[in-house]
Amino acid sequence: MIAGPTPTGAEILKRRPHIAGMLGSSWFYDPPLETISPRLAYLRLNPLQHGAFMVHQGPDEIHTQRAAASSPTRRAMIEAGEYTARSWIVAWPRAALIRWADARKQAAA
């Protein structure tokens, strides 16, 4: 168990060198959201701009339900057949994630 504040992904990777990186899977990473819900774009763009890559998982009803749940804009687009939520994996290799986190920490100091 890790005591104290919750560690960042980079801190976890530094403590566990056998872990190759971090993964996330969600409709949050769907590229059309950059224009549909621009406030969510950072969830995909920050990792991609700093060494992560994406793998398409495809559409599924659960992703569409979740995408429609909290946004009237997305819900209307889904109901009009203008958007189908798709799930993506964002994979952030350990060296790239640690490098990004260290640079952020240094910039904040």
Protein backbone atom coordinates (compact mmCIF):
# COMPACT_ATOMS: atom_id res chain seq x y z
CA MET A 1 0.00 0.00 0.00
CA ILE A 2 1.20 3.50 -0.83
CA ALA A 3 0.95 5.97 2.05
CA GLY A 4 0.28 9.68 1.64
CA PRO A 5 -1.25 11.46 -1.33
CA THR A 6 -2.42 9.42 -4.30
CA PRO A 7 0.56 8.91 -6.63
CA THR A 8 0.46 9.94 -10.26
CA GLY A 9 0.78 7.39 -13.04
CA ALA A 10 4.40 8.41 -13.54
CA GLU A 11 5.20 7.91 -9.85
CA ILE A 12 3.65 4.45 -9.99
CA LEU A 13 5.76 3.61 -13.04
CA LYS A 14 8.93 4.87 -11.34
CA ARG A 15 8.23 2.62 -8.33
CA ARG A 16 7.40 -0.39 -10.50
CA PRO A 17 9.90 -0.64 -13.37
CA HIS A 18 8.32 -3.87 -14.64
CA ILE A 19 5.20 -1.94 -15.78
CA ALA A 20 5.46 -0.92 -19.45
CA GLY A 21 3.13 2.09 -19.27
CA MET A 22 -0.44 3.13 -18.62
CA LEU A 23 -3.65 2.36 -20.51
CA GLY A 24 -7.01 4.03 -20.59
CA SER A 25 -10.10 2.85 -22.45
CA SER A 26 -13.10 5.10 -23.01
CA TRP A 27 -15.36 6.94 -25.40
CA PHE A 28 -13.73 10.09 -23.89
CA TYR A 29 -10.86 9.51 -26.34
CA ASP A 30 -13.10 9.50 -29.44
CA PRO A 31 -11.56 12.00 -31.93
CA PRO A 32 -14.89 13.62 -32.96
CA LEU A 33 -15.25 14.91 -29.39
CA GLU A 34 -12.61 17.51 -30.19
CA THR A 35 -15.34 19.43 -32.03
CA ILE A 36 -18.48 18.00 -30.37
CA SER A 37 -17.26 18.47 -26.76
CA PRO A 38 -14.05 20.52 -26.98
CA ARG A 39 -13.67 20.69 -23.19
CA LEU A 40 -12.94 16.93 -23.25
CA ALA A 41 -10.28 17.15 -25.98
CA TYR A 42 -7.41 17.43 -23.48
CA LEU A 43 -8.10 13.87 -22.29
CA ARG A 44 -6.95 12.59 -25.70
CA LEU A 45 -4.67 15.37 -26.90
CA ASN A 46 -2.36 15.69 -23.88
CA PRO A 47 -1.25 12.06 -23.95
CA LEU A 48 -1.02 11.98 -27.77
CA GLN A 49 1.12 15.12 -27.86
CA HIS A 50 3.51 13.53 -25.38
CA GLY A 51 4.16 10.03 -26.69
CA ALA A 52 0.94 8.06 -26.25
CA PHE A 53 -0.84 6.25 -29.07
CA MET A 54 -4.42 5.14 -29.64
CA VAL A 55 -6.05 1.86 -30.64
CA HIS A 56 -9.63 1.86 -31.89
CA GLN A 57 -11.97 -0.52 -30.07
CA GLY A 58 -15.12 0.39 -31.97
CA PRO A 59 -18.68 1.37 -31.21
CA ASP A 60 -20.97 -0.31 -28.71
CA GLU A 61 -24.31 0.64 -27.23
CA ILE A 62 -22.76 1.18 -23.78
CA HIS A 63 -20.41 3.85 -25.16
CA THR A 64 -23.28 5.64 -26.85
CA GLN A 65 -25.38 5.49 -23.66
CA ARG A 66 -22.54 6.90 -21.59
CA ALA A 67 -21.74 9.63 -24.12
CA ALA A 68 -25.40 10.72 -24.15
CA ALA A 69 -25.86 10.62 -20.37
CA SER A 70 -24.39 13.98 -19.40
CA SER A 71 -24.52 16.13 -22.53
CA PRO A 72 -27.65 17.40 -24.23
CA THR A 73 -25.52 18.24 -27.28
CA ARG A 74 -24.14 14.71 -27.64
CA ARG A 75 -27.54 13.20 -26.86
CA ALA A 76 -29.19 15.26 -29.63
CA MET A 77 -26.46 14.33 -32.13
CA ILE A 78 -26.81 10.64 -31.22
CA GLU A 79 -30.61 10.76 -31.54
CA ALA A 80 -30.27 12.50 -34.93
CA GLY A 81 -27.84 9.81 -36.11
CA GLU A 82 -25.03 12.39 -36.40
CA TYR A 83 -22.72 10.77 -33.84
CA THR A 84 -21.99 7.26 -32.63
CA ALA A 85 -19.63 7.03 -29.69
CA ARG A 86 -16.61 4.80 -30.22
CA SER A 87 -14.25 3.46 -27.63
CA TRP A 88 -10.49 3.92 -27.90
CA ILE A 89 -7.54 2.70 -25.90
CA VAL A 90 -4.91 5.32 -25.13
CA ALA A 91 -1.59 3.63 -24.43
CA TRP A 92 1.12 5.77 -22.88
CA PRO A 93 4.52 4.05 -22.79
CA ARG A 94 6.42 4.39 -19.51
CA ALA A 95 9.39 6.46 -20.75
CA ALA A 96 7.17 8.99 -22.53
CA LEU A 97 4.77 9.34 -19.59
CA ILE A 98 7.59 9.76 -17.06
CA ARG A 99 9.33 12.32 -19.31
CA TRP A 100 6.09 14.32 -19.64
CA ALA A 101 5.34 14.21 -15.90
CA ASP A 102 8.90 15.22 -14.97
CA ALA A 103 8.76 18.16 -17.42
CA ARG A 104 5.43 19.32 -15.93
CA LYS A 105 6.81 19.08 -12.42
CA GLN A 106 9.91 21.03 -13.40
CA ALA A 107 7.86 23.73 -15.17
CA ALA A 108 5.68 24.15 -12.07
CA ALA A 109 8.69 24.59 -9.76
